[in-house]
Amino acid sequence: MIDAWRHRASVAFLLGGIPLSVVALANCGGTTGEASSPAAETTPSQPPTTRKSSDYSLETLREKLHSGLGAESELNLAAKGLGPELGTLLSESTAIDRLTELDVSDNDLGVDGARALARSPHLSSIRDLDLGGNDIGDDGVDALAHAVALGQLETLNLSGNSITGRGASALVGGGSARLGSLDLSMNAIGSNGASALAHSKLPLRSVYLLGCEIGASGAKELSQSKGLSQLTVLALSGNSLGDEGVQALAKSTAFQNLGTLDLCANGVSDVGALALAQSSHLKKLKVLELFGNSDIGPKGSAALRKRFGGGLHL
């Protein structure tokens, strides 16, 4: 599954340079409650960074695939820096037929690598695919969205891939009818991308949109959705939602099954805080993340604590 800490660390690292964002977003991403894990104890202002391996080559992988993966169901090739050729190599290998989890994040795949991977007939068993940080763009997403062999995907990480609203639209219009968890963080999908997700018919239960530039208008699009009723986790850190966007979410009937809501670093004040505290629709909400919203004062904080108790992270 997509690693929870990676949501925090990647967002904090990619935003970079802004202390408030680093501190706030490193603790967000719909993952609060995992503080007992070693990774979660990492200092937020110094999140772990991804380092590309220099001692792993395409030839090494080719030999491994040629020898067969045996009973292995997972293949982790994260941060190897293998380039577009990795997509071609994997697409042609029958050794990956039985894989259920594949991590090729941070490999500089680009559009060509994504297209090559999408052409593979050997990915039909994949349920969990991590393609984060590969700069595949909208064209790469479009290829993946129409990859017949990926129709059984349940979890997909596409964070940090230069995807816009067009790519988001292509993705939700594709053939992944079982997709339950989607990470599009650090892609400027904007309000158009949010609208595409809002109108999606995918059975989404977890959506991560950290730093996606959706703004208040994007929040309004999501709040009017009739297709996101199964969501239990929604992460919207760093999207400039403001009170207007938060009020729209609080008044929405679309999120009645939501258990975790991340609204870190969104310029929320007491106005938005009170809207959340007084919402008659967020009945199942147990965890509310609001780090980095310094305009929330004593009045808003008190109302939130009364409503959400220990589930509030402010």
Protein backbone atom coordinates (compact mmCIF):
# COMPACT_ATOMS: atom_id res chain seq x y z
CA MET A 1 0.00 0.00 0.00
CA ILE A 2 1.07 3.62 -0.44
CA ASP A 3 3.18 4.48 2.60
CA ALA A 4 1.49 6.95 4.92
CA TRP A 5 4.71 8.72 5.88
CA ARG A 6 5.57 9.28 2.25
CA HIS A 7 2.54 11.56 1.96
CA ARG A 8 3.91 13.77 4.69
CA ALA A 9 7.55 13.69 3.70
CA SER A 10 7.09 14.16 -0.04
CA VAL A 11 4.80 17.12 0.40
CA ALA A 12 7.02 18.81 2.96
CA PHE A 13 10.11 18.19 0.84
CA LEU A 14 8.61 19.29 -2.47
CA LEU A 15 7.18 22.50 -1.06
CA GLY A 16 10.56 23.23 0.53
CA GLY A 17 11.90 26.57 1.67
CA ILE A 18 8.79 27.71 3.54
CA PRO A 19 9.14 26.77 7.20
CA LEU A 20 5.42 26.91 7.94
CA SER A 21 4.56 24.65 5.04
CA VAL A 22 7.31 22.23 5.91
CA VAL A 23 6.30 21.97 9.55
CA ALA A 24 2.57 21.90 8.90
CA LEU A 25 2.41 19.63 5.90
CA ALA A 26 4.95 17.19 7.28
CA ASN A 27 2.32 16.35 9.89
CA CYS A 28 -0.59 16.18 7.48
CA GLY A 29 -1.84 14.00 4.67
CA GLY A 30 -4.65 12.20 6.46
CA THR A 31 -2.15 10.12 8.44
CA THR A 32 -2.35 11.48 11.97
CA GLY A 33 -2.51 8.73 14.52
CA GLU A 34 0.63 6.93 13.36
CA ALA A 35 2.99 8.82 15.64
CA SER A 36 4.15 5.58 17.20
CA SER A 37 5.87 4.48 14.00
CA PRO A 38 9.62 5.19 13.72
CA ALA A 39 9.13 7.20 10.53
CA ALA A 40 6.53 9.42 12.15
CA GLU A 41 9.07 10.40 14.79
CA THR A 42 11.30 12.00 12.18
CA THR A 43 11.68 15.74 12.78
CA PRO A 44 9.06 17.44 10.52
CA SER A 45 11.47 20.21 9.43
CA GLN A 46 13.90 17.56 8.18
CA PRO A 47 11.75 15.02 6.34
CA PRO A 48 13.44 12.00 4.78
CA THR A 49 14.42 12.65 1.20
CA THR A 50 14.42 10.22 -1.68
CA ARG A 51 17.88 9.15 -2.81
CA LYS A 52 18.38 7.40 -6.08
CA SER A 53 20.41 4.22 -5.95
CA SER A 54 23.62 4.31 -7.95
CA ASP A 55 24.41 0.62 -7.68
CA TYR A 56 21.35 -0.76 -9.43
CA SER A 57 21.18 -0.89 -13.22
CA LEU A 58 18.79 -1.98 -15.90
CA GLU A 59 21.06 -4.95 -16.55
CA THR A 60 20.81 -5.98 -12.91
CA LEU A 61 17.04 -5.87 -13.16
CA ARG A 62 17.04 -7.67 -16.51
CA GLU A 63 18.99 -10.55 -14.97
CA LYS A 64 16.64 -10.67 -12.00
CA LEU A 65 13.58 -10.79 -14.21
CA HIS A 66 15.17 -13.39 -16.45
CA SER A 67 15.80 -15.61 -13.43
CA GLY A 68 12.17 -15.17 -12.42
CA LEU A 69 10.61 -13.68 -9.30
CA GLY A 70 9.40 -16.99 -7.92
CA ALA A 71 6.53 -16.57 -5.50
CA GLU A 72 7.21 -12.86 -4.92
CA SER A 73 4.10 -10.73 -5.14
CA GLU A 74 5.82 -7.37 -4.62
CA LEU A 75 8.56 -5.61 -6.56
CA ASN A 76 10.10 -2.44 -5.13
CA LEU A 77 12.20 -0.47 -7.59
CA ALA A 78 11.75 2.92 -5.94
CA ALA A 79 14.37 5.61 -6.53
CA LYS A 80 16.63 3.61 -8.83
CA GLY A 81 16.77 6.33 -11.49
CA LEU A 82 16.48 3.79 -14.29
CA GLY A 83 14.79 6.09 -16.76
CA PRO A 84 12.19 5.43 -19.50
CA GLU A 85 13.82 2.12 -20.40
CA LEU A 86 12.49 0.72 -17.14
CA GLY A 87 8.97 0.91 -18.53
CA THR A 88 9.99 -1.00 -21.64
CA LEU A 89 11.87 -3.66 -19.70
CA LEU A 90 8.95 -4.32 -17.36
CA SER A 91 6.38 -4.26 -20.11
CA GLU A 92 8.13 -7.07 -21.97
CA SER A 93 8.77 -9.32 -18.97
CA THR A 94 6.51 -12.27 -18.16
CA ALA A 95 8.17 -12.42 -14.72
CA ILE A 96 5.80 -9.74 -13.43
CA ASP A 97 2.65 -11.67 -14.30
CA ARG A 98 1.95 -12.58 -10.67
CA LEU A 99 2.89 -9.27 -9.04
CA THR A 100 0.17 -7.58 -7.01
CA GLU A 101 2.29 -4.59 -5.88
CA LEU A 102 4.73 -2.62 -8.01
CA ASP A 103 6.68 0.45 -6.88
CA VAL A 104 8.56 2.28 -9.63
CA SER A 105 8.44 5.70 -8.01
CA ASP A 106 11.22 8.24 -8.62
CA ASN A 107 12.72 6.58 -11.68
CA ASP A 108 12.54 9.36 -14.28
CA LEU A 109 10.14 7.31 -16.38
CA GLY A 110 8.70 10.30 -18.18
CA VAL A 111 5.96 10.01 -20.78
CA ASP A 112 7.76 7.36 -22.81
CA GLY A 113 8.32 5.11 -19.82
CA ALA A 114 4.69 5.41 -18.75
CA ARG A 115 3.46 4.61 -22.24
CA ALA A 116 5.70 1.57 -22.44
CA LEU A 117 4.46 0.31 -19.08
CA ALA A 118 0.86 0.89 -20.13
CA ARG A 119 1.34 -1.35 -23.16
CA SER A 120 2.32 -4.33 -21.02
CA PRO A 121 -0.03 -7.33 -21.06
CA HIS A 122 1.61 -8.61 -17.86
CA LEU A 123 0.12 -6.24 -15.27
CA SER A 124 -3.30 -7.77 -14.82
CA SER A 125 -2.55 -8.95 -11.27
CA ILE A 126 -1.35 -5.53 -10.08
CA ARG A 127 -3.53 -4.06 -7.35
CA ASP A 128 -1.14 -1.46 -5.94
CA LEU A 129 0.93 0.72 -8.29
CA ASP A 130 3.25 3.52 -7.17
CA LEU A 131 4.38 5.84 -9.95
CA GLY A 132 5.09 8.89 -7.80
CA GLY A 133 7.75 11.38 -8.91
CA ASN A 134 8.20 10.28 -12.52
CA ASP A 135 7.12 13.38 -14.45
CA ILE A 136 4.82 11.36 -16.69
CA GLY A 137 2.53 14.32 -17.38
CA ASP A 138 -0.98 14.24 -18.78
CA ASP A 139 -0.02 12.10 -21.76
CA GLY A 140 1.48 9.46 -19.53
CA VAL A 141 -1.63 9.42 -17.35
CA ASP A 142 -3.83 9.10 -20.41
CA ALA A 143 -1.89 6.01 -21.51
CA LEU A 144 -2.17 4.43 -18.08
CA ALA A 145 -5.86 5.24 -17.79
CA HIS A 146 -6.55 3.22 -20.93
CA ALA A 147 -4.21 0.34 -20.13
CA VAL A 148 -6.41 -2.75 -20.26
CA ALA A 149 -4.08 -4.77 -18.03
CA LEU A 150 -4.38 -2.21 -15.21
CA GLY A 151 -8.13 -2.51 -14.94
CA GLN A 152 -7.91 -4.24 -11.55
CA LEU A 153 -5.95 -1.48 -9.79
CA GLU A 154 -7.11 -0.67 -6.28
CA THR A 155 -4.39 1.75 -5.13
CA LEU A 156 -2.58 4.27 -7.34
CA ASN A 157 0.04 6.86 -6.43
CA LEU A 158 0.65 9.50 -9.08
CA SER A 159 1.99 12.24 -6.81
CA GLY A 160 4.52 14.68 -8.23
CA ASN A 161 4.04 13.92 -11.93
CA SER A 162 3.31 17.28 -13.60
CA ILE A 163 -0.33 16.33 -14.08
CA THR A 164 -2.97 18.99 -14.78
CA GLY A 165 -6.74 18.94 -14.84
CA ARG A 166 -6.62 17.26 -18.24
CA GLY A 167 -4.72 14.32 -16.84
CA ALA A 168 -7.08 14.03 -13.89
CA SER A 169 -10.03 13.94 -16.29
CA ALA A 170 -8.36 11.22 -18.38
CA LEU A 171 -7.70 9.17 -15.28
CA VAL A 172 -11.25 9.15 -13.93
CA GLY A 173 -12.55 8.39 -17.40
CA GLY A 174 -10.32 5.34 -17.76
CA GLY A 175 -10.96 1.71 -17.03
CA SER A 176 -9.87 1.35 -13.38
CA ALA A 177 -13.29 0.42 -12.07
CA ARG A 178 -11.91 -0.90 -8.76
CA LEU A 179 -9.72 2.06 -7.81
CA GLY A 180 -10.29 2.84 -4.14
CA SER A 181 -7.21 4.90 -3.19
CA LEU A 182 -5.78 7.68 -5.33
CA ASP A 183 -2.88 10.06 -4.64
CA LEU A 184 -2.54 13.04 -6.96
CA SER A 185 -0.60 15.22 -4.52
CA MET A 186 1.81 17.85 -5.86
CA ASN A 187 0.15 17.97 -9.25
CA ALA A 188 -1.44 21.28 -10.30
CA ILE A 189 -4.78 19.76 -11.26
CA GLY A 190 -6.64 22.91 -10.18
CA SER A 191 -10.39 23.26 -9.90
CA ASN A 192 -10.86 21.47 -13.22
CA GLY A 193 -9.16 18.39 -11.83
CA ALA A 194 -11.24 18.61 -8.67
CA SER A 195 -14.35 18.80 -10.82
CA ALA A 196 -13.29 15.68 -12.73
CA LEU A 197 -12.87 13.79 -9.47
CA ALA A 198 -16.19 15.09 -8.19
CA HIS A 199 -17.96 13.63 -11.20
CA SER A 200 -16.02 10.38 -11.11
CA LYS A 201 -17.75 7.04 -10.87
CA LEU A 202 -14.69 5.38 -9.34
CA PRO A 203 -15.32 3.67 -5.97
CA LEU A 204 -12.87 5.99 -4.21
CA ARG A 205 -12.42 5.65 -0.46
CA SER A 206 -9.17 7.59 0.00
CA VAL A 207 -8.16 10.66 -2.01
CA TYR A 208 -4.94 12.62 -1.45
CA LEU A 209 -4.75 16.03 -3.12
CA LEU A 210 -2.02 17.78 -1.15
CA GLY A 211 -0.71 20.89 -2.90
CA CYS A 212 -2.90 20.52 -6.00
CA GLU A 213 -3.90 24.20 -6.34
CA ILE A 214 -7.62 23.46 -6.31
CA GLY A 215 -8.54 26.60 -4.35
CA ALA A 216 -11.97 27.43 -2.96
CA SER A 217 -13.58 26.73 -6.33
CA GLY A 218 -12.14 23.22 -6.34
CA ALA A 219 -13.44 22.61 -2.83
CA LYS A 220 -16.87 23.68 -4.00
CA GLU A 221 -16.68 21.24 -6.89
CA LEU A 222 -15.83 18.41 -4.51
CA SER A 223 -18.58 19.43 -2.11
CA GLN A 224 -21.19 19.13 -4.85
CA SER A 225 -20.12 15.61 -5.80
CA LYS A 226 -22.59 12.77 -5.94
CA GLY A 227 -19.88 10.18 -6.57
CA LEU A 228 -17.62 10.57 -3.54
CA SER A 229 -20.03 9.30 -0.91
CA GLN A 230 -17.76 6.33 -0.09
CA LEU A 231 -14.81 8.52 0.89
CA THR A 232 -13.37 7.84 4.33
CA VAL A 233 -10.15 9.84 3.88
CA LEU A 234 -9.78 13.19 2.11
CA ALA A 235 -6.44 15.05 2.27
CA LEU A 236 -6.41 18.63 1.00
CA SER A 237 -3.34 20.25 2.62
CA GLY A 238 -1.91 23.36 1.02
CA ASN A 239 -4.65 24.18 -1.48
CA SER A 240 -5.56 27.76 -0.50
CA LEU A 241 -9.11 26.73 0.29
CA GLY A 242 -9.69 29.57 2.72
CA ASP A 243 -12.84 29.88 4.79
CA GLU A 244 -14.98 29.88 1.65
CA GLY A 245 -13.75 26.47 0.55
CA VAL A 246 -13.93 25.00 4.05
CA GLN A 247 -17.47 26.26 4.52
CA ALA A 248 -18.48 24.53 1.29
CA LEU A 249 -17.03 21.25 2.55
CA ALA A 250 -18.71 21.63 5.94
CA LYS A 251 -22.12 22.21 4.37
CA SER A 252 -21.80 19.38 1.87
CA THR A 253 -23.82 16.18 2.05
CA ALA A 254 -21.18 14.45 -0.08
CA PHE A 255 -18.90 13.42 2.81
CA GLN A 256 -21.16 11.74 5.30
CA ASN A 257 -18.84 8.69 5.52
CA LEU A 258 -15.68 10.73 5.94
CA GLY A 259 -13.59 9.63 8.91
CA THR A 260 -10.41 11.67 8.28
CA LEU A 261 -10.19 15.17 6.80
CA ASP A 262 -6.89 16.98 6.26
CA LEU A 263 -7.16 20.75 5.83
CA CYS A 264 -3.65 21.77 6.89
CA ALA A 265 -2.15 25.07 5.68
CA ASN A 266 -5.24 26.36 3.93
CA GLY A 267 -5.67 29.87 5.34
CA VAL A 268 -8.56 28.88 7.59
CA SER A 269 -9.75 31.28 10.30
CA ASP A 270 -12.40 31.09 13.02
CA VAL A 271 -15.05 31.39 10.33
CA GLY A 272 -14.05 28.12 8.69
CA ALA A 273 -13.36 26.50 12.06
CA LEU A 274 -16.86 27.25 13.31
CA ALA A 275 -18.36 25.95 10.08
CA LEU A 276 -16.62 22.62 10.65
CA ALA A 277 -17.54 22.51 14.32
CA GLN A 278 -21.18 23.19 13.57
CA SER A 279 -21.50 20.94 10.53
CA SER A 280 -24.51 18.65 10.66
CA HIS A 281 -23.12 16.46 7.87
CA LEU A 282 -19.68 15.38 9.08
CA LYS A 283 -21.15 12.93 11.56
CA LYS A 284 -18.53 10.21 11.09
CA LEU A 285 -15.52 12.52 11.11
CA LYS A 286 -13.09 11.34 13.78
CA VAL A 287 -9.80 12.92 12.69
CA LEU A 288 -9.50 16.55 11.60
CA GLU A 289 -6.07 17.93 10.69
CA LEU A 290 -5.71 21.71 10.73
CA PHE A 291 -2.00 22.33 11.30
CA GLY A 292 -0.67 25.54 9.79
CA ASN A 293 -3.89 27.56 9.98
CA SER A 294 -2.62 30.30 12.29
CA ASP A 295 -5.73 32.48 11.93
CA ILE A 296 -7.82 30.04 13.94
CA GLY A 297 -8.18 31.77 17.31
CA PRO A 298 -9.38 30.72 20.77
CA LYS A 299 -13.04 30.79 19.76
CA GLY A 300 -12.57 28.55 16.77
CA SER A 301 -10.20 26.23 18.62
CA ALA A 302 -12.61 25.81 21.52
CA ALA A 303 -15.51 24.97 19.22
CA LEU A 304 -13.42 22.44 17.31
CA ARG A 305 -12.14 20.75 20.45
CA LYS A 306 -15.64 20.49 21.82
CA ARG A 307 -16.85 18.81 18.64
CA PHE A 308 -13.86 16.61 17.73
CA GLY A 309 -12.01 16.16 21.02
CA GLY A 310 -8.77 14.19 20.70
CA GLY A 311 -9.34 13.73 17.00
CA LEU A 312 -8.48 17.38 16.37
CA HIS A 313 -4.89 18.16 15.37
CA LEU A 314 -4.41 21.91 15.37
